[in-house]
Amino acid sequence: MSITMNQIIFRTATANDSTRVAALHSASWRNAYRGMLPDSYLDQEIDDERLQLWQQRLNRPDPQRQYVLLAELEQQPIGFVCVLLDEEPEWGACLDNLHMHPAYKRYGIGRQLFAHATDWVMSSEPAWPLHLLVFEANQQARRFYDNYKGQVVERMIKHMPGDVALPVLRYIWRDLGGLAAALRG
């Protein structure tokens, strides 16, 4: 499969996108978290849970405090990013989601979504850092964030659906200008 960046459309998600964003989120979790989260959760419960989350977020968006950007190819969502400003603001802006459809990883689309999210934070809260949580066992995501010089500042246990508790790492970027330059470089 050959994809060029000019084929990708980036646009702000709307309430009409909640079902498609939820389906993409579920597919990404099934691919990335198999073996970390229970199969019963990934195969059954996740779809309804993600749909409820995205209906809530996209039906009452606050464009000043929440940013959800879709990457589409031929009008189909293949990736998305979500930044929340009111989720642990003591750490700065929260990159709550950065997910790609498994078939479209390694084309640079996730990097572009991350760059757009970084730009939005710099325009919304210029003095804030950006942080996220990632499962410690998610080596692929950790390599991606390490590549862009994310600093691990905390390790904790997070209780997840399916009655599991997993170690997560908090990454932070304090120099968003430098991060934006690296993402575009």
Protein backbone atom coordinates (compact mmCIF):
# COMPACT_ATOMS: atom_id res chain seq x y z
CA MET A 1 0.00 0.00 0.00
CA SER A 2 1.32 3.40 -0.94
CA ILE A 3 0.11 6.53 0.84
CA THR A 4 1.27 10.09 0.34
CA MET A 5 0.63 12.80 2.90
CA ASN A 6 -1.36 14.84 0.37
CA GLN A 7 -3.97 12.05 0.38
CA ILE A 8 -4.57 12.52 4.12
CA ILE A 9 -7.18 15.03 5.28
CA PHE A 10 -6.88 16.37 8.83
CA ARG A 11 -10.07 17.81 10.29
CA THR A 12 -11.68 18.54 13.64
CA ALA A 13 -13.99 15.76 14.80
CA THR A 14 -17.68 16.56 15.30
CA ALA A 15 -20.57 14.85 17.08
CA ASN A 16 -21.31 13.04 13.82
CA ASP A 17 -17.93 11.29 14.11
CA SER A 18 -18.46 9.66 17.51
CA THR A 19 -19.27 6.20 16.13
CA ARG A 20 -16.32 6.24 13.73
CA VAL A 21 -13.87 7.55 16.34
CA ALA A 22 -15.06 4.93 18.84
CA ALA A 23 -14.64 2.13 16.29
CA LEU A 24 -11.12 3.31 15.44
CA HIS A 25 -10.27 3.64 19.14
CA SER A 26 -11.50 0.08 19.79
CA ALA A 27 -9.53 -1.32 16.83
CA SER A 28 -6.38 0.40 18.02
CA TRP A 29 -6.79 -0.92 21.56
CA ARG A 30 -7.44 -4.46 20.30
CA ASN A 31 -4.24 -4.32 18.31
CA ALA A 32 -1.99 -2.57 20.84
CA TYR A 33 -3.28 -3.93 24.14
CA ARG A 34 -3.92 -7.61 23.37
CA GLY A 35 -2.13 -9.49 26.12
CA MET A 36 -2.25 -6.48 28.45
CA LEU A 37 -6.01 -6.15 28.84
CA PRO A 38 -8.36 -9.15 29.11
CA ASP A 39 -9.55 -10.64 25.81
CA SER A 40 -13.13 -10.62 27.10
CA TYR A 41 -12.96 -6.85 27.49
CA LEU A 42 -11.27 -6.26 24.13
CA ASP A 43 -13.63 -8.60 22.29
CA GLN A 44 -16.91 -7.60 23.92
CA GLU A 45 -17.11 -4.61 26.24
CA ILE A 46 -14.76 -2.16 24.57
CA ASP A 47 -17.05 -1.14 21.71
CA ASP A 48 -19.88 0.08 23.94
CA GLU A 49 -17.50 1.71 26.40
CA ARG A 50 -15.58 3.64 23.72
CA LEU A 51 -18.82 4.68 21.99
CA GLN A 52 -20.18 6.08 25.25
CA LEU A 53 -16.92 7.97 25.84
CA TRP A 54 -16.84 9.53 22.36
CA GLN A 55 -20.51 10.41 22.33
CA GLN A 56 -19.99 12.24 25.61
CA ARG A 57 -16.86 14.04 24.42
CA LEU A 58 -18.07 14.98 20.95
CA ASN A 59 -21.68 15.83 21.79
CA ARG A 60 -20.59 18.53 24.23
CA PRO A 61 -17.24 19.71 22.98
CA ASP A 62 -15.54 22.76 24.36
CA PRO A 63 -13.18 23.82 21.56
CA GLN A 64 -11.27 25.99 24.02
CA ARG A 65 -10.52 23.04 26.35
CA GLN A 66 -10.68 19.92 24.13
CA TYR A 67 -9.09 19.19 20.76
CA VAL A 68 -9.99 16.13 18.70
CA LEU A 69 -8.45 15.88 15.25
CA LEU A 70 -9.11 13.11 12.73
CA ALA A 71 -6.82 11.90 9.97
CA GLU A 72 -8.87 10.57 7.06
CA LEU A 73 -8.01 8.71 3.90
CA GLU A 74 -10.76 8.56 1.28
CA GLN A 75 -13.23 9.87 3.90
CA GLN A 76 -12.43 7.03 6.32
CA PRO A 77 -10.82 7.82 9.69
CA ILE A 78 -7.43 6.16 10.02
CA GLY A 79 -6.10 8.02 13.06
CA PHE A 80 -7.00 10.61 15.67
CA VAL A 81 -5.57 12.64 18.49
CA CYS A 82 -7.33 14.08 21.54
CA VAL A 83 -5.94 16.72 23.90
CA LEU A 84 -7.71 17.69 27.12
CA LEU A 85 -6.71 20.83 28.97
CA ASP A 86 -8.68 20.09 32.14
CA GLU A 87 -7.38 16.55 32.71
CA GLU A 88 -4.67 16.88 35.37
CA PRO A 89 -3.81 20.50 34.49
CA GLU A 90 -1.15 20.50 37.19
CA TRP A 91 0.88 18.48 34.63
CA GLY A 92 -0.12 20.72 31.70
CA ALA A 93 -2.15 19.68 28.68
CA CYS A 94 -3.04 15.98 28.51
CA LEU A 95 -2.50 14.10 25.26
CA ASP A 96 -5.26 11.66 26.15
CA ASN A 97 -5.36 9.76 22.86
CA LEU A 98 -3.13 9.26 19.86
CA HIS A 99 -4.34 6.25 17.92
CA MET A 100 -3.82 4.92 14.43
CA HIS A 101 -5.63 2.18 12.60
CA PRO A 102 -3.13 -0.71 12.67
CA ALA A 103 -2.94 -0.86 8.86
CA TYR A 104 -1.81 2.78 8.65
CA LYS A 105 1.00 2.84 11.19
CA ARG A 106 4.50 3.84 10.07
CA TYR A 107 3.40 6.32 7.40
CA GLY A 108 4.12 9.41 9.53
CA ILE A 109 0.44 10.14 10.12
CA GLY A 110 0.67 9.69 13.88
CA ARG A 111 3.62 12.08 13.91
CA GLN A 112 1.53 14.64 12.02
CA LEU A 113 -1.36 14.23 14.46
CA PHE A 114 1.07 14.71 17.36
CA ALA A 115 2.42 17.87 15.67
CA HIS A 116 -1.08 19.31 15.22
CA ALA A 117 -1.86 18.56 18.88
CA THR A 118 1.36 20.25 19.99
CA ASP A 119 0.56 23.33 17.89
CA TRP A 120 -2.93 23.50 19.41
CA VAL A 121 -1.54 23.37 22.95
CA MET A 122 1.00 26.09 22.15
CA SER A 123 -1.79 28.33 20.85
CA SER A 124 -4.25 27.48 23.65
CA GLU A 125 -1.95 27.46 26.69
CA PRO A 126 1.44 28.73 25.50
CA ALA A 127 3.26 28.25 28.81
CA TRP A 128 2.00 24.73 29.48
CA PRO A 129 3.87 21.46 29.02
CA LEU A 130 2.26 18.42 27.40
CA HIS A 131 1.94 15.07 29.17
CA LEU A 132 0.48 11.62 28.58
CA LEU A 133 0.18 8.22 30.19
CA VAL A 134 1.32 5.07 28.38
CA PHE A 135 1.25 1.45 29.49
CA GLU A 136 4.75 0.44 30.52
CA ALA A 137 4.39 -2.75 28.45
CA ASN A 138 3.45 -0.82 25.29
CA GLN A 139 6.95 -0.85 23.82
CA GLN A 140 5.93 0.44 20.39
CA ALA A 141 4.32 3.57 21.81
CA ARG A 142 7.20 4.11 24.23
CA ARG A 143 9.74 3.99 21.38
CA PHE A 144 7.66 6.59 19.52
CA TYR A 145 7.55 8.95 22.53
CA ASP A 146 11.20 8.30 23.41
CA ASN A 147 12.13 9.21 19.84
CA TYR A 148 10.64 12.67 20.44
CA LYS A 149 12.51 13.06 23.75
CA GLY A 150 9.58 12.59 26.09
CA GLN A 151 10.77 12.52 29.69
CA VAL A 152 9.37 9.82 31.97
CA VAL A 153 8.54 11.59 35.22
CA GLU A 154 6.29 9.13 37.00
CA ARG A 155 5.41 5.43 37.19
CA MET A 156 2.12 4.37 38.73
CA ILE A 157 -0.42 1.58 38.70
CA LYS A 158 -3.64 2.27 36.80
CA HIS A 159 -6.80 0.25 37.30
CA MET A 160 -8.28 -0.71 33.96
CA PRO A 161 -11.47 -2.35 32.73
CA GLY A 162 -11.53 -6.10 33.15
CA ASP A 163 -10.31 -5.80 36.73
CA VAL A 164 -6.63 -5.44 35.87
CA ALA A 165 -4.04 -3.09 37.27
CA LEU A 166 -1.19 -2.16 34.96
CA PRO A 167 1.93 -0.05 35.38
CA VAL A 168 1.81 3.18 33.39
CA LEU A 169 4.41 5.82 32.75
CA ARG A 170 3.82 9.55 32.59
CA TYR A 171 5.74 11.26 29.80
CA ILE A 172 6.13 15.02 29.70
CA TRP A 173 7.43 17.55 27.20
CA ARG A 174 8.21 20.97 28.64
CA ASP A 175 9.66 22.55 25.48
CA LEU A 176 6.76 22.39 23.04
CA GLY A 177 8.54 24.54 20.48
CA GLY A 178 11.35 22.01 20.38
CA LEU A 179 8.87 19.14 20.22
CA ALA A 180 6.99 20.79 17.34
CA ALA A 181 10.26 21.28 15.44
CA ALA A 182 11.28 17.64 16.01
CA LEU A 183 7.88 16.39 14.84
CA ARG A 184 8.19 18.41 11.63
CA GLY A 185 11.89 17.63 11.10
